[in-house]
N, C-alpha and C. Protein backbone atom coordinates (compact mmCIF):
# COMPACT_ATOMS: atom_id res chain seq x y z
N UNK A 1 22.02 9.67 -17.69
CA UNK A 1 22.20 8.98 -16.43
C UNK A 1 21.09 7.95 -16.18
N UNK A 2 19.85 8.35 -16.44
CA UNK A 2 18.72 7.43 -16.21
C UNK A 2 18.83 6.22 -17.12
N UNK A 3 19.14 6.47 -18.38
CA UNK A 3 19.26 5.37 -19.33
C UNK A 3 20.37 4.40 -18.91
N UNK A 4 21.50 4.95 -18.50
CA UNK A 4 22.61 4.10 -18.07
C UNK A 4 22.25 3.35 -16.78
N UNK A 5 21.57 3.99 -15.86
CA UNK A 5 21.14 3.33 -14.63
C UNK A 5 20.23 2.15 -14.96
N UNK A 6 19.34 2.32 -15.91
CA UNK A 6 18.44 1.22 -16.32
C UNK A 6 19.22 0.08 -16.96
N UNK A 7 20.22 0.42 -17.78
CA UNK A 7 21.06 -0.62 -18.39
C UNK A 7 21.83 -1.38 -17.32
N UNK A 8 22.33 -0.64 -16.33
CA UNK A 8 23.05 -1.28 -15.23
C UNK A 8 22.12 -2.19 -14.43
N UNK A 9 20.90 -1.73 -14.18
CA UNK A 9 19.93 -2.55 -13.45
C UNK A 9 19.64 -3.84 -14.20
N UNK A 10 19.45 -3.74 -15.49
CA UNK A 10 19.17 -4.94 -16.28
C UNK A 10 20.36 -5.90 -16.19
N UNK A 11 21.58 -5.37 -16.28
CA UNK A 11 22.77 -6.21 -16.25
C UNK A 11 23.04 -6.79 -14.87
N UNK A 12 22.77 -6.05 -13.81
CA UNK A 12 23.13 -6.49 -12.46
C UNK A 12 21.97 -7.10 -11.68
N UNK A 13 20.74 -6.96 -12.18
CA UNK A 13 19.58 -7.48 -11.44
C UNK A 13 18.78 -8.51 -12.20
N UNK A 14 18.75 -8.40 -13.53
CA UNK A 14 17.78 -9.20 -14.27
C UNK A 14 18.36 -10.10 -15.37
N UNK A 15 19.23 -9.56 -16.21
CA UNK A 15 19.71 -10.33 -17.35
C UNK A 15 21.22 -10.14 -17.56
N UNK A 16 22.03 -10.56 -16.59
CA UNK A 16 23.48 -10.38 -16.76
C UNK A 16 24.03 -11.13 -17.97
N UNK A 17 23.46 -12.29 -18.25
CA UNK A 17 23.94 -13.09 -19.37
C UNK A 17 23.75 -12.40 -20.71
N UNK A 18 22.79 -11.51 -20.79
CA UNK A 18 22.50 -10.81 -22.04
C UNK A 18 23.66 -9.91 -22.49
N UNK A 19 24.46 -9.45 -21.52
CA UNK A 19 25.62 -8.63 -21.85
C UNK A 19 26.93 -9.37 -21.55
N UNK A 20 26.83 -10.69 -21.36
CA UNK A 20 28.01 -11.50 -21.17
C UNK A 20 28.58 -11.50 -19.76
N UNK A 21 27.77 -11.16 -18.77
CA UNK A 21 28.23 -11.14 -17.38
C UNK A 21 27.76 -12.38 -16.64
N UNK A 22 28.53 -12.74 -15.63
CA UNK A 22 28.13 -13.79 -14.70
C UNK A 22 28.29 -13.22 -13.30
N UNK A 23 27.18 -13.10 -12.59
CA UNK A 23 27.23 -12.63 -11.20
C UNK A 23 27.71 -13.76 -10.31
N UNK A 24 28.45 -13.42 -9.25
CA UNK A 24 28.80 -14.48 -8.30
C UNK A 24 27.58 -14.77 -7.43
N UNK A 25 27.70 -15.70 -6.51
CA UNK A 25 26.56 -16.13 -5.69
C UNK A 25 25.92 -14.99 -4.91
N UNK A 26 26.69 -13.94 -4.63
CA UNK A 26 26.18 -12.81 -3.86
C UNK A 26 25.84 -11.59 -4.73
N UNK A 27 25.84 -11.78 -6.05
CA UNK A 27 25.43 -10.72 -6.96
C UNK A 27 26.55 -9.80 -7.43
N UNK A 28 27.78 -10.06 -7.03
CA UNK A 28 28.91 -9.19 -7.39
C UNK A 28 29.44 -9.56 -8.76
N UNK A 29 29.98 -8.54 -9.45
CA UNK A 29 30.67 -8.71 -10.72
C UNK A 29 31.85 -7.73 -10.72
N UNK A 30 32.97 -8.10 -11.31
CA UNK A 30 34.07 -7.14 -11.38
C UNK A 30 33.67 -5.86 -12.13
N UNK A 31 34.05 -4.72 -11.59
CA UNK A 31 33.75 -3.44 -12.23
C UNK A 31 34.27 -3.45 -13.67
N UNK A 32 35.47 -3.96 -13.86
CA UNK A 32 36.06 -3.98 -15.22
C UNK A 32 35.18 -4.75 -16.19
N UNK A 33 34.58 -5.85 -15.73
CA UNK A 33 33.71 -6.64 -16.60
C UNK A 33 32.45 -5.86 -16.98
N UNK A 34 31.88 -5.14 -16.01
CA UNK A 34 30.69 -4.35 -16.30
C UNK A 34 31.01 -3.21 -17.27
N UNK A 35 32.13 -2.54 -17.05
CA UNK A 35 32.55 -1.46 -17.96
C UNK A 35 32.69 -1.98 -19.38
N UNK A 36 33.33 -3.13 -19.53
CA UNK A 36 33.50 -3.74 -20.85
C UNK A 36 32.16 -4.13 -21.46
N UNK A 37 31.31 -4.75 -20.66
CA UNK A 37 30.02 -5.24 -21.17
C UNK A 37 29.11 -4.10 -21.63
N UNK A 38 29.12 -2.99 -20.88
CA UNK A 38 28.23 -1.87 -21.22
C UNK A 38 28.92 -0.83 -22.10
N UNK A 39 30.22 -1.03 -22.34
CA UNK A 39 31.00 -0.10 -23.18
C UNK A 39 30.91 1.34 -22.66
N UNK A 40 31.24 1.46 -21.37
CA UNK A 40 31.22 2.77 -20.71
C UNK A 40 32.53 2.98 -19.97
N UNK A 41 32.77 4.21 -19.56
CA UNK A 41 33.96 4.53 -18.79
C UNK A 41 33.69 4.45 -17.30
N UNK A 42 34.76 4.33 -16.54
CA UNK A 42 34.63 4.22 -15.09
C UNK A 42 34.02 5.48 -14.48
N UNK A 43 34.35 6.65 -15.03
CA UNK A 43 33.79 7.90 -14.49
C UNK A 43 32.27 7.92 -14.63
N UNK A 44 31.76 7.46 -15.78
CA UNK A 44 30.31 7.39 -15.98
C UNK A 44 29.67 6.45 -14.96
N UNK A 45 30.27 5.29 -14.80
CA UNK A 45 29.75 4.30 -13.86
C UNK A 45 29.69 4.86 -12.45
N UNK A 46 30.77 5.45 -12.02
CA UNK A 46 30.83 5.99 -10.65
C UNK A 46 29.85 7.14 -10.47
N UNK A 47 29.61 7.92 -11.51
CA UNK A 47 28.63 9.00 -11.41
C UNK A 47 27.22 8.45 -11.23
N UNK A 48 26.88 7.40 -11.98
CA UNK A 48 25.56 6.78 -11.82
C UNK A 48 25.40 6.23 -10.41
N UNK A 49 26.43 5.53 -9.92
CA UNK A 49 26.36 4.95 -8.58
C UNK A 49 26.18 6.06 -7.54
N UNK A 50 26.93 7.13 -7.67
CA UNK A 50 26.89 8.22 -6.69
C UNK A 50 25.60 9.02 -6.77
N UNK A 51 25.08 9.25 -7.97
CA UNK A 51 23.93 10.14 -8.14
C UNK A 51 22.58 9.45 -8.16
N UNK A 52 22.55 8.12 -8.22
CA UNK A 52 21.27 7.42 -8.29
C UNK A 52 20.44 7.71 -7.05
N UNK A 53 19.25 8.28 -7.24
CA UNK A 53 18.42 8.71 -6.12
C UNK A 53 17.99 7.56 -5.23
N UNK A 54 17.94 6.35 -5.74
CA UNK A 54 17.54 5.20 -4.94
C UNK A 54 18.74 4.39 -4.46
N UNK A 55 19.95 4.87 -4.76
CA UNK A 55 21.17 4.18 -4.33
C UNK A 55 21.07 2.68 -4.63
N UNK A 56 20.82 2.35 -5.90
CA UNK A 56 20.61 0.97 -6.31
C UNK A 56 21.86 0.12 -6.32
N UNK A 57 23.04 0.73 -6.38
CA UNK A 57 24.27 -0.02 -6.59
C UNK A 57 25.30 0.26 -5.50
N UNK A 58 26.16 -0.74 -5.26
CA UNK A 58 27.26 -0.59 -4.33
C UNK A 58 28.55 -1.03 -5.02
N UNK A 59 29.57 -0.19 -4.91
CA UNK A 59 30.90 -0.57 -5.36
C UNK A 59 31.72 -0.88 -4.11
N UNK A 60 32.36 -2.05 -4.13
CA UNK A 60 33.21 -2.48 -3.02
C UNK A 60 34.55 -2.88 -3.63
N UNK A 61 35.52 -1.99 -3.55
CA UNK A 61 36.82 -2.26 -4.16
C UNK A 61 36.71 -2.32 -5.67
N UNK A 62 37.01 -3.48 -6.23
CA UNK A 62 36.98 -3.64 -7.69
C UNK A 62 35.75 -4.40 -8.17
N UNK A 63 34.70 -4.43 -7.33
CA UNK A 63 33.47 -5.14 -7.72
C UNK A 63 32.25 -4.27 -7.45
N UNK A 64 31.14 -4.62 -8.12
CA UNK A 64 29.90 -3.86 -8.03
C UNK A 64 28.73 -4.83 -8.00
N UNK A 65 27.65 -4.42 -7.34
CA UNK A 65 26.40 -5.20 -7.38
C UNK A 65 25.22 -4.27 -7.18
N UNK A 66 24.05 -4.78 -7.52
CA UNK A 66 22.80 -4.09 -7.21
C UNK A 66 22.46 -4.40 -5.75
N UNK A 67 21.88 -3.43 -5.05
CA UNK A 67 21.59 -3.60 -3.63
C UNK A 67 20.40 -4.50 -3.35
N UNK A 68 19.45 -4.56 -4.25
CA UNK A 68 18.31 -5.46 -4.12
C UNK A 68 17.51 -5.39 -5.41
N UNK A 69 16.42 -6.16 -5.49
CA UNK A 69 15.53 -6.11 -6.65
C UNK A 69 15.87 -7.10 -7.73
N UNK A 70 16.66 -8.10 -7.41
CA UNK A 70 17.07 -9.09 -8.40
C UNK A 70 15.92 -10.01 -8.80
N UNK A 71 15.89 -10.36 -10.07
CA UNK A 71 15.01 -11.43 -10.52
C UNK A 71 15.83 -12.69 -10.81
N UNK A 72 17.16 -12.57 -10.81
CA UNK A 72 18.03 -13.74 -10.93
C UNK A 72 18.42 -14.19 -9.52
N UNK A 73 18.80 -15.45 -9.41
CA UNK A 73 19.10 -16.01 -8.10
C UNK A 73 20.42 -15.47 -7.54
N UNK A 74 20.34 -14.76 -6.42
CA UNK A 74 21.52 -14.29 -5.69
C UNK A 74 21.20 -14.34 -4.21
N UNK A 75 22.24 -14.42 -3.41
CA UNK A 75 22.10 -14.34 -1.96
C UNK A 75 22.87 -13.11 -1.53
N UNK A 76 22.16 -12.05 -1.19
CA UNK A 76 22.80 -10.80 -0.82
C UNK A 76 23.49 -10.88 0.54
N UNK A 77 23.25 -11.94 1.27
CA UNK A 77 23.92 -12.12 2.55
C UNK A 77 23.51 -11.10 3.60
N UNK A 78 22.32 -10.56 3.47
CA UNK A 78 21.87 -9.55 4.44
C UNK A 78 21.36 -10.23 5.70
N UNK A 79 21.84 -9.81 6.86
CA UNK A 79 21.36 -10.41 8.10
C UNK A 79 19.92 -9.96 8.40
N UNK A 80 19.23 -10.75 9.19
CA UNK A 80 17.90 -10.33 9.60
C UNK A 80 18.05 -9.13 10.54
N UNK A 81 17.02 -8.30 10.54
CA UNK A 81 17.04 -7.08 11.36
C UNK A 81 15.64 -6.82 11.89
N UNK A 82 15.57 -6.14 13.01
CA UNK A 82 14.28 -5.73 13.58
C UNK A 82 13.85 -4.46 12.86
N UNK A 83 12.68 -4.50 12.22
CA UNK A 83 12.24 -3.32 11.47
C UNK A 83 11.66 -2.25 12.38
N UNK A 84 11.47 -1.05 11.85
CA UNK A 84 10.71 -0.05 12.60
C UNK A 84 9.28 -0.55 12.76
N UNK A 85 8.53 0.05 13.63
CA UNK A 85 7.15 -0.39 13.88
C UNK A 85 6.31 -0.36 12.62
N UNK A 86 6.52 0.63 11.77
CA UNK A 86 5.71 0.82 10.58
C UNK A 86 6.60 0.98 9.36
N UNK A 87 6.22 0.30 8.28
CA UNK A 87 6.87 0.46 6.99
C UNK A 87 5.78 0.78 5.97
N UNK A 88 6.18 1.11 4.75
CA UNK A 88 5.23 1.54 3.73
C UNK A 88 5.53 0.86 2.40
N UNK A 89 4.48 0.74 1.59
CA UNK A 89 4.62 0.16 0.25
C UNK A 89 3.81 0.99 -0.73
N UNK A 90 4.45 1.40 -1.79
CA UNK A 90 3.75 2.17 -2.82
C UNK A 90 3.29 1.27 -3.95
N UNK A 91 2.03 1.43 -4.32
CA UNK A 91 1.45 0.65 -5.42
C UNK A 91 0.48 1.55 -6.17
N UNK A 92 -0.34 0.98 -7.02
CA UNK A 92 -1.39 1.73 -7.72
C UNK A 92 -2.72 1.03 -7.51
N UNK A 93 -3.81 1.76 -7.73
CA UNK A 93 -5.16 1.27 -7.41
C UNK A 93 -5.51 -0.04 -8.10
N UNK A 94 -5.03 -0.25 -9.31
CA UNK A 94 -5.42 -1.47 -10.05
C UNK A 94 -4.98 -2.75 -9.35
N UNK A 95 -3.97 -2.69 -8.48
CA UNK A 95 -3.49 -3.88 -7.78
C UNK A 95 -4.05 -4.01 -6.37
N UNK A 96 -4.75 -2.99 -5.91
CA UNK A 96 -5.17 -2.92 -4.51
C UNK A 96 -6.06 -4.08 -4.06
N UNK A 97 -7.06 -4.46 -4.84
CA UNK A 97 -7.95 -5.55 -4.43
C UNK A 97 -7.18 -6.85 -4.22
N UNK A 98 -6.30 -7.18 -5.15
CA UNK A 98 -5.52 -8.42 -5.03
C UNK A 98 -4.57 -8.35 -3.83
N UNK A 99 -3.97 -7.19 -3.61
CA UNK A 99 -3.05 -7.04 -2.47
C UNK A 99 -3.80 -7.19 -1.16
N UNK A 100 -4.97 -6.57 -1.06
CA UNK A 100 -5.73 -6.65 0.19
C UNK A 100 -6.30 -8.04 0.43
N UNK A 101 -6.41 -8.83 -0.64
CA UNK A 101 -6.87 -10.21 -0.51
C UNK A 101 -5.69 -11.16 -0.21
N UNK A 102 -4.58 -11.03 -0.96
CA UNK A 102 -3.48 -11.99 -0.89
C UNK A 102 -2.25 -11.48 -0.16
N UNK A 103 -2.22 -10.20 0.17
CA UNK A 103 -1.04 -9.62 0.77
C UNK A 103 -0.05 -9.19 -0.31
N UNK A 104 1.10 -8.71 0.13
CA UNK A 104 2.16 -8.32 -0.81
C UNK A 104 3.05 -9.52 -1.06
N UNK A 105 3.24 -9.85 -2.32
CA UNK A 105 4.08 -10.97 -2.73
C UNK A 105 5.24 -10.43 -3.57
N UNK A 106 6.35 -11.13 -3.63
CA UNK A 106 7.51 -10.62 -4.36
C UNK A 106 7.36 -10.62 -5.87
N UNK A 107 6.39 -11.33 -6.39
CA UNK A 107 6.18 -11.43 -7.83
C UNK A 107 7.45 -11.97 -8.49
N UNK A 108 8.05 -11.26 -9.43
CA UNK A 108 9.22 -11.77 -10.15
C UNK A 108 10.53 -11.54 -9.39
N UNK A 109 10.46 -10.93 -8.24
CA UNK A 109 11.68 -10.65 -7.47
C UNK A 109 11.79 -11.62 -6.30
N UNK A 110 12.86 -11.49 -5.55
CA UNK A 110 13.10 -12.41 -4.44
C UNK A 110 12.38 -12.01 -3.16
N UNK A 111 12.09 -10.72 -3.02
CA UNK A 111 11.50 -10.23 -1.78
C UNK A 111 10.50 -9.11 -2.08
N UNK A 112 9.65 -8.86 -1.11
CA UNK A 112 8.80 -7.68 -1.12
C UNK A 112 9.66 -6.51 -0.65
N UNK A 113 9.56 -5.39 -1.33
CA UNK A 113 10.33 -4.19 -0.97
C UNK A 113 9.44 -3.23 -0.20
N UNK A 114 9.92 -2.79 0.95
CA UNK A 114 9.17 -1.87 1.80
C UNK A 114 10.02 -0.63 2.07
N UNK A 115 9.35 0.49 2.17
CA UNK A 115 10.03 1.76 2.37
C UNK A 115 9.91 2.21 3.82
N UNK A 116 10.92 2.91 4.32
CA UNK A 116 10.88 3.38 5.71
C UNK A 116 10.02 4.63 5.90
N UNK A 117 9.61 5.27 4.80
CA UNK A 117 8.81 6.49 4.92
C UNK A 117 7.80 6.58 3.77
N UNK A 118 6.78 7.38 3.99
CA UNK A 118 5.70 7.53 3.00
C UNK A 118 6.19 8.13 1.69
N UNK A 119 7.09 9.10 1.76
CA UNK A 119 7.56 9.78 0.55
C UNK A 119 8.28 8.82 -0.39
N UNK A 120 9.13 7.97 0.15
CA UNK A 120 9.81 6.99 -0.69
C UNK A 120 8.80 6.04 -1.31
N UNK A 121 7.84 5.57 -0.52
CA UNK A 121 6.80 4.68 -1.03
C UNK A 121 5.97 5.38 -2.11
N UNK A 122 5.72 6.67 -1.94
CA UNK A 122 4.97 7.43 -2.94
C UNK A 122 5.74 7.45 -4.26
N UNK A 123 7.04 7.71 -4.20
CA UNK A 123 7.86 7.73 -5.42
C UNK A 123 7.86 6.37 -6.11
N UNK A 124 7.94 5.31 -5.34
CA UNK A 124 7.92 3.96 -5.91
C UNK A 124 6.59 3.70 -6.60
N UNK A 125 5.50 4.01 -5.93
CA UNK A 125 4.17 3.79 -6.51
C UNK A 125 3.90 4.66 -7.71
N UNK A 126 4.48 5.85 -7.74
CA UNK A 126 4.23 6.81 -8.82
C UNK A 126 4.85 6.37 -10.14
N UNK A 127 5.73 5.38 -10.12
CA UNK A 127 6.32 4.90 -11.38
C UNK A 127 5.26 4.30 -12.30
N UNK A 128 4.15 3.85 -11.73
CA UNK A 128 3.12 3.18 -12.52
C UNK A 128 1.81 3.95 -12.59
N UNK A 129 1.78 5.15 -12.06
CA UNK A 129 0.55 5.94 -12.09
C UNK A 129 0.33 6.66 -10.76
N UNK A 130 -0.93 6.95 -10.47
CA UNK A 130 -1.29 7.62 -9.22
C UNK A 130 -1.02 6.67 -8.06
N UNK A 131 -0.11 7.02 -7.15
CA UNK A 131 0.27 6.07 -6.10
C UNK A 131 -0.77 5.91 -4.99
N UNK A 132 -0.81 4.71 -4.47
CA UNK A 132 -1.58 4.37 -3.27
C UNK A 132 -0.54 3.87 -2.27
N UNK A 133 -0.54 4.46 -1.08
CA UNK A 133 0.46 4.10 -0.08
C UNK A 133 -0.18 3.19 0.97
N UNK A 134 0.36 1.99 1.08
CA UNK A 134 -0.09 1.03 2.07
C UNK A 134 0.81 1.12 3.30
N UNK A 135 0.20 0.99 4.47
CA UNK A 135 0.94 0.98 5.72
C UNK A 135 1.08 -0.47 6.17
N UNK A 136 2.30 -0.84 6.55
CA UNK A 136 2.60 -2.21 6.98
C UNK A 136 2.90 -2.20 8.48
N UNK A 137 2.18 -3.04 9.22
CA UNK A 137 2.43 -3.18 10.65
C UNK A 137 3.63 -4.12 10.82
N UNK A 138 4.82 -3.57 10.60
CA UNK A 138 6.05 -4.36 10.63
C UNK A 138 6.34 -4.89 12.04
N UNK A 139 5.97 -4.13 13.05
CA UNK A 139 6.20 -4.58 14.42
C UNK A 139 5.43 -5.88 14.70
N UNK A 140 4.16 -5.89 14.34
CA UNK A 140 3.34 -7.10 14.56
C UNK A 140 3.85 -8.26 13.71
N UNK A 141 4.27 -7.98 12.48
CA UNK A 141 4.82 -9.03 11.62
C UNK A 141 6.07 -9.64 12.25
N UNK A 142 6.96 -8.77 12.71
CA UNK A 142 8.21 -9.22 13.32
C UNK A 142 7.93 -10.05 14.57
N UNK A 143 7.01 -9.57 15.38
CA UNK A 143 6.65 -10.29 16.61
C UNK A 143 6.03 -11.65 16.31
N UNK A 144 5.38 -11.77 15.13
CA UNK A 144 4.77 -13.04 14.72
C UNK A 144 5.78 -13.97 14.04
N UNK A 145 7.04 -13.53 13.92
CA UNK A 145 8.08 -14.40 13.38
C UNK A 145 8.48 -14.14 11.94
N UNK A 146 7.91 -13.15 11.30
CA UNK A 146 8.32 -12.82 9.94
C UNK A 146 9.69 -12.14 9.98
N UNK A 147 10.56 -12.53 9.07
CA UNK A 147 11.91 -11.98 9.05
C UNK A 147 12.01 -10.80 8.09
N UNK A 148 12.81 -9.84 8.49
CA UNK A 148 13.10 -8.66 7.68
C UNK A 148 14.61 -8.54 7.53
N UNK A 149 15.02 -7.97 6.40
CA UNK A 149 16.42 -7.65 6.16
C UNK A 149 16.46 -6.23 5.61
N UNK A 150 17.54 -5.54 5.90
CA UNK A 150 17.70 -4.15 5.46
C UNK A 150 18.81 -4.10 4.43
N UNK A 151 18.47 -3.64 3.21
CA UNK A 151 19.48 -3.54 2.15
C UNK A 151 20.36 -2.32 2.38
N UNK A 152 21.44 -2.27 1.64
CA UNK A 152 22.42 -1.20 1.80
C UNK A 152 21.85 0.18 1.52
N UNK A 153 20.78 0.25 0.75
CA UNK A 153 20.20 1.55 0.41
C UNK A 153 18.93 1.88 1.22
N UNK A 154 18.71 1.16 2.31
CA UNK A 154 17.61 1.49 3.21
C UNK A 154 16.27 0.88 2.87
N UNK A 155 16.22 -0.01 1.88
CA UNK A 155 14.98 -0.70 1.54
C UNK A 155 14.86 -1.93 2.44
N UNK A 156 13.68 -2.09 3.03
CA UNK A 156 13.42 -3.25 3.88
C UNK A 156 12.88 -4.38 3.01
N UNK A 157 13.37 -5.59 3.23
CA UNK A 157 13.00 -6.75 2.43
C UNK A 157 12.38 -7.81 3.32
N UNK A 158 11.34 -8.45 2.81
CA UNK A 158 10.71 -9.57 3.51
C UNK A 158 10.10 -10.48 2.44
N UNK A 159 9.89 -11.74 2.80
CA UNK A 159 9.41 -12.72 1.83
C UNK A 159 7.97 -12.47 1.40
N UNK A 160 7.13 -11.99 2.30
CA UNK A 160 5.69 -11.84 2.02
C UNK A 160 5.09 -10.97 3.11
N UNK A 161 4.14 -10.14 2.77
CA UNK A 161 3.39 -9.37 3.78
C UNK A 161 1.94 -9.85 3.71
N UNK A 162 1.52 -10.68 4.66
CA UNK A 162 0.13 -11.11 4.68
C UNK A 162 -0.83 -9.92 4.79
N UNK A 163 -1.98 -10.07 4.21
CA UNK A 163 -2.96 -8.98 4.14
C UNK A 163 -3.34 -8.42 5.50
N UNK A 164 -3.34 -9.26 6.54
CA UNK A 164 -3.77 -8.78 7.85
C UNK A 164 -2.83 -7.73 8.45
N UNK A 165 -1.65 -7.57 7.88
CA UNK A 165 -0.69 -6.57 8.37
C UNK A 165 -0.71 -5.29 7.54
N UNK A 166 -1.64 -5.19 6.60
CA UNK A 166 -1.71 -4.04 5.71
C UNK A 166 -2.90 -3.16 6.03
N UNK A 167 -2.68 -1.86 5.90
CA UNK A 167 -3.76 -0.88 6.00
C UNK A 167 -3.69 -0.01 4.76
N UNK A 168 -4.84 0.11 4.09
CA UNK A 168 -4.94 0.96 2.91
C UNK A 168 -5.57 2.29 3.32
N UNK A 169 -5.28 3.34 2.56
CA UNK A 169 -5.88 4.66 2.90
C UNK A 169 -7.39 4.64 2.71
C-alpha cells in the first residue's frame, strides 16, 4: 500500500508525464488513465485512497487527483478560508535556523502546508528525523491579510509564513 501510494503521489503530484498522464488545470485525471498508467486494478486504487492515513487523494466520479502537495502547476480551486487561531508545522532541527530567519516557504511546492494539530505536525516532521513542531499564529497572519485555503484532507495551505508569526519550542 505504501509503495503504491508513493507511485500515485509521483504520478498525481510531481511527474505525471513520466507515466504518460496529463493532469487537467485542476489536477484531475481520469481514473481509467491512472489505472492503465500504473498497471493496477481499481480495487487496489480505491483501497489506497480509502486507507491512506493522510487522505492524499480524492476520487470524484470517474476522476482522481491529489489533494495538495503538487510540484507541477495546478489550480486546486480551493476558496480562501479563515484558519483556526493556531496552526502547526513539523520540521527537523537542521532547517530551524533558516526557517526562523526567512519564515516557512513552499520550496518546490505551491504552498506551505500547515497542520491543525500538533500530532499531525509531529508525524510530518518525523519523516525526516526527530521532529520539531513550530506554532503558527494563524489568527494574526489572517488579520494581517495573509490568505489561507483548506484542502480536502484538512491541510491548511498558505503562500508563505513570515518568521514573525512562528514560535519554536
